[in-house]
Amino acid sequence: MKNKIKELVLTFLKDHGKNVIDFVDIERMLEENDIDFKGDSAIHTRNYGPIYFWLGMSQDFADAIIELKNEGKIEFKACDIGIYLINGKILKLPLVEKKQTFKNPHWLPVRVKLK
């Protein structure tokens, strides 16, 4: 399933060109393709403490995104929370507002784009 998700995400990003794609957009696309994307996994960094990019993902979804990033096919770009508000879904965590080290979990909204 992970490889199918990778393929779908890459095609979705290519079809949208320079448009902003966020994790809500990707979830909707996966749902339209009958892919079970929900779960207990997350994509995060620990460089400045527990900073999450997205939560509530299946392990296959998380692994697919991480592999695409590690393969240099996609990248994350910090974005305004407004993009997620427009799409109707946000994480219930404090926002990362500046570069600093956090002790508690925070959310850094990102868009996903082709590299």
Protein backbone atom coordinates (compact mmCIF):
# COMPACT_ATOMS: atom_id res chain seq x y z
CA MET A 1 0.00 0.00 0.00
CA LYS A 2 2.89 2.37 0.76
CA ASN A 3 4.11 2.25 -2.85
CA LYS A 4 0.60 2.91 -4.15
CA ILE A 5 0.35 5.96 -1.88
CA LYS A 6 3.72 7.22 -3.10
CA GLU A 7 2.59 6.87 -6.71
CA LEU A 8 -0.73 8.63 -6.04
CA VAL A 9 0.92 11.49 -4.14
CA LEU A 10 3.49 12.11 -6.88
CA THR A 11 0.80 12.08 -9.58
CA PHE A 12 -1.40 14.39 -7.50
CA LEU A 13 1.45 16.86 -6.99
CA LYS A 14 2.40 16.79 -10.69
CA ASP A 15 -1.24 17.40 -11.67
CA HIS A 16 -1.41 20.44 -9.39
CA GLY A 17 1.83 22.04 -10.54
CA LYS A 18 2.71 25.04 -8.39
CA ASN A 19 -0.59 25.07 -6.49
CA VAL A 20 -0.39 24.74 -2.73
CA ILE A 21 -0.96 21.19 -1.56
CA ASP A 22 -1.35 20.43 2.12
CA PHE A 23 -1.97 17.24 4.06
CA VAL A 24 -5.75 17.79 3.98
CA ASP A 25 -5.63 17.88 0.16
CA ILE A 26 -3.60 14.66 0.14
CA GLU A 27 -6.02 12.97 2.55
CA ARG A 28 -8.97 13.90 0.31
CA MET A 29 -7.16 12.55 -2.74
CA LEU A 30 -6.41 9.27 -0.92
CA GLU A 31 -10.04 9.01 0.18
CA GLU A 32 -11.20 9.53 -3.43
CA ASN A 33 -8.94 6.61 -4.38
CA ASP A 34 -10.36 4.39 -1.60
CA ILE A 35 -7.08 4.37 0.33
CA ASP A 36 -7.36 4.00 4.11
CA PHE A 37 -5.12 6.82 5.34
CA LYS A 38 -6.21 7.21 8.98
CA GLY A 39 -4.18 5.88 11.88
CA ASP A 40 -1.99 6.68 14.85
CA SER A 41 1.19 7.66 12.99
CA ALA A 42 2.65 11.12 12.54
CA ILE A 43 5.29 13.01 10.61
CA HIS A 44 7.46 15.11 12.86
CA THR A 45 10.91 16.42 13.56
CA ARG A 46 12.82 16.51 16.80
CA ASN A 47 15.37 19.11 15.69
CA TYR A 48 13.76 21.75 17.91
CA GLY A 49 11.73 19.47 20.14
CA PRO A 50 8.54 17.62 19.22
CA ILE A 51 7.36 19.54 16.16
CA TYR A 52 4.64 17.82 14.14
CA PHE A 53 3.87 18.35 10.47
CA TRP A 54 0.80 16.07 10.49
CA LEU A 55 -0.94 13.54 12.76
CA GLY A 56 -3.55 10.81 12.48
CA MET A 57 -1.99 8.99 9.54
CA SER A 58 -1.72 5.31 8.74
CA GLN A 59 1.79 3.93 8.97
CA ASP A 60 1.79 3.39 5.19
CA PHE A 61 0.80 7.03 4.60
CA ALA A 62 3.51 8.32 6.95
CA ASP A 63 6.14 5.96 5.50
CA ALA A 64 5.23 6.96 1.93
CA ILE A 65 5.61 10.68 2.66
CA ILE A 66 8.85 10.20 4.59
CA GLU A 67 10.32 8.04 1.82
CA LEU A 68 9.37 10.58 -0.86
CA LYS A 69 11.04 13.29 1.21
CA ASN A 70 14.16 11.19 1.85
CA GLU A 71 14.35 10.31 -1.86
CA GLY A 72 14.40 14.04 -2.66
CA LYS A 73 11.13 13.91 -4.61
CA ILE A 74 9.12 16.21 -2.32
CA GLU A 75 9.83 18.90 0.22
CA PHE A 76 7.96 20.65 3.00
CA LYS A 77 7.59 24.41 3.05
CA ALA A 78 6.26 26.18 6.13
CA CYS A 79 2.96 27.90 5.41
CA ASP A 80 0.33 30.01 7.07
CA ILE A 81 -2.32 28.19 9.09
CA GLY A 82 -4.89 29.87 6.84
CA ILE A 83 -4.33 27.23 4.16
CA TYR A 84 -5.42 24.55 6.61
CA LEU A 85 -8.29 26.67 7.96
CA ILE A 86 -9.65 27.04 4.41
CA ASN A 87 -9.51 23.26 4.03
CA GLY A 88 -11.34 22.84 7.33
CA LYS A 89 -8.83 20.82 9.33
CA ILE A 90 -6.12 21.86 11.76
CA LEU A 91 -4.08 20.13 14.44
CA LYS A 92 -5.02 20.96 18.01
CA LEU A 93 -1.49 21.83 19.03
CA PRO A 94 0.19 25.17 19.68
CA LEU A 95 1.66 26.67 16.52
CA VAL A 96 5.36 27.07 15.87
CA GLU A 97 5.67 30.83 15.51
CA LYS A 98 9.42 31.23 15.57
CA LYS A 99 12.55 29.13 15.46
CA GLN A 100 13.16 27.90 18.97
CA THR A 101 13.39 24.66 20.93
CA PHE A 102 10.13 23.34 22.34
CA LYS A 103 9.60 20.98 25.28
CA ASN A 104 5.96 20.24 24.42
CA PRO A 105 4.45 19.19 21.08
CA HIS A 106 3.85 21.97 18.56
CA TRP A 107 2.51 22.09 15.01
CA LEU A 108 4.33 23.55 12.04
CA PRO A 109 1.82 23.84 9.16
CA VAL A 110 3.50 22.92 5.90
CA ARG A 111 2.63 22.57 2.27
CA VAL A 112 3.99 19.65 0.31
CA LYS A 113 5.55 20.34 -3.07
CA LEU A 114 7.61 18.59 -5.69
CA LYS A 115 11.30 19.16 -5.37
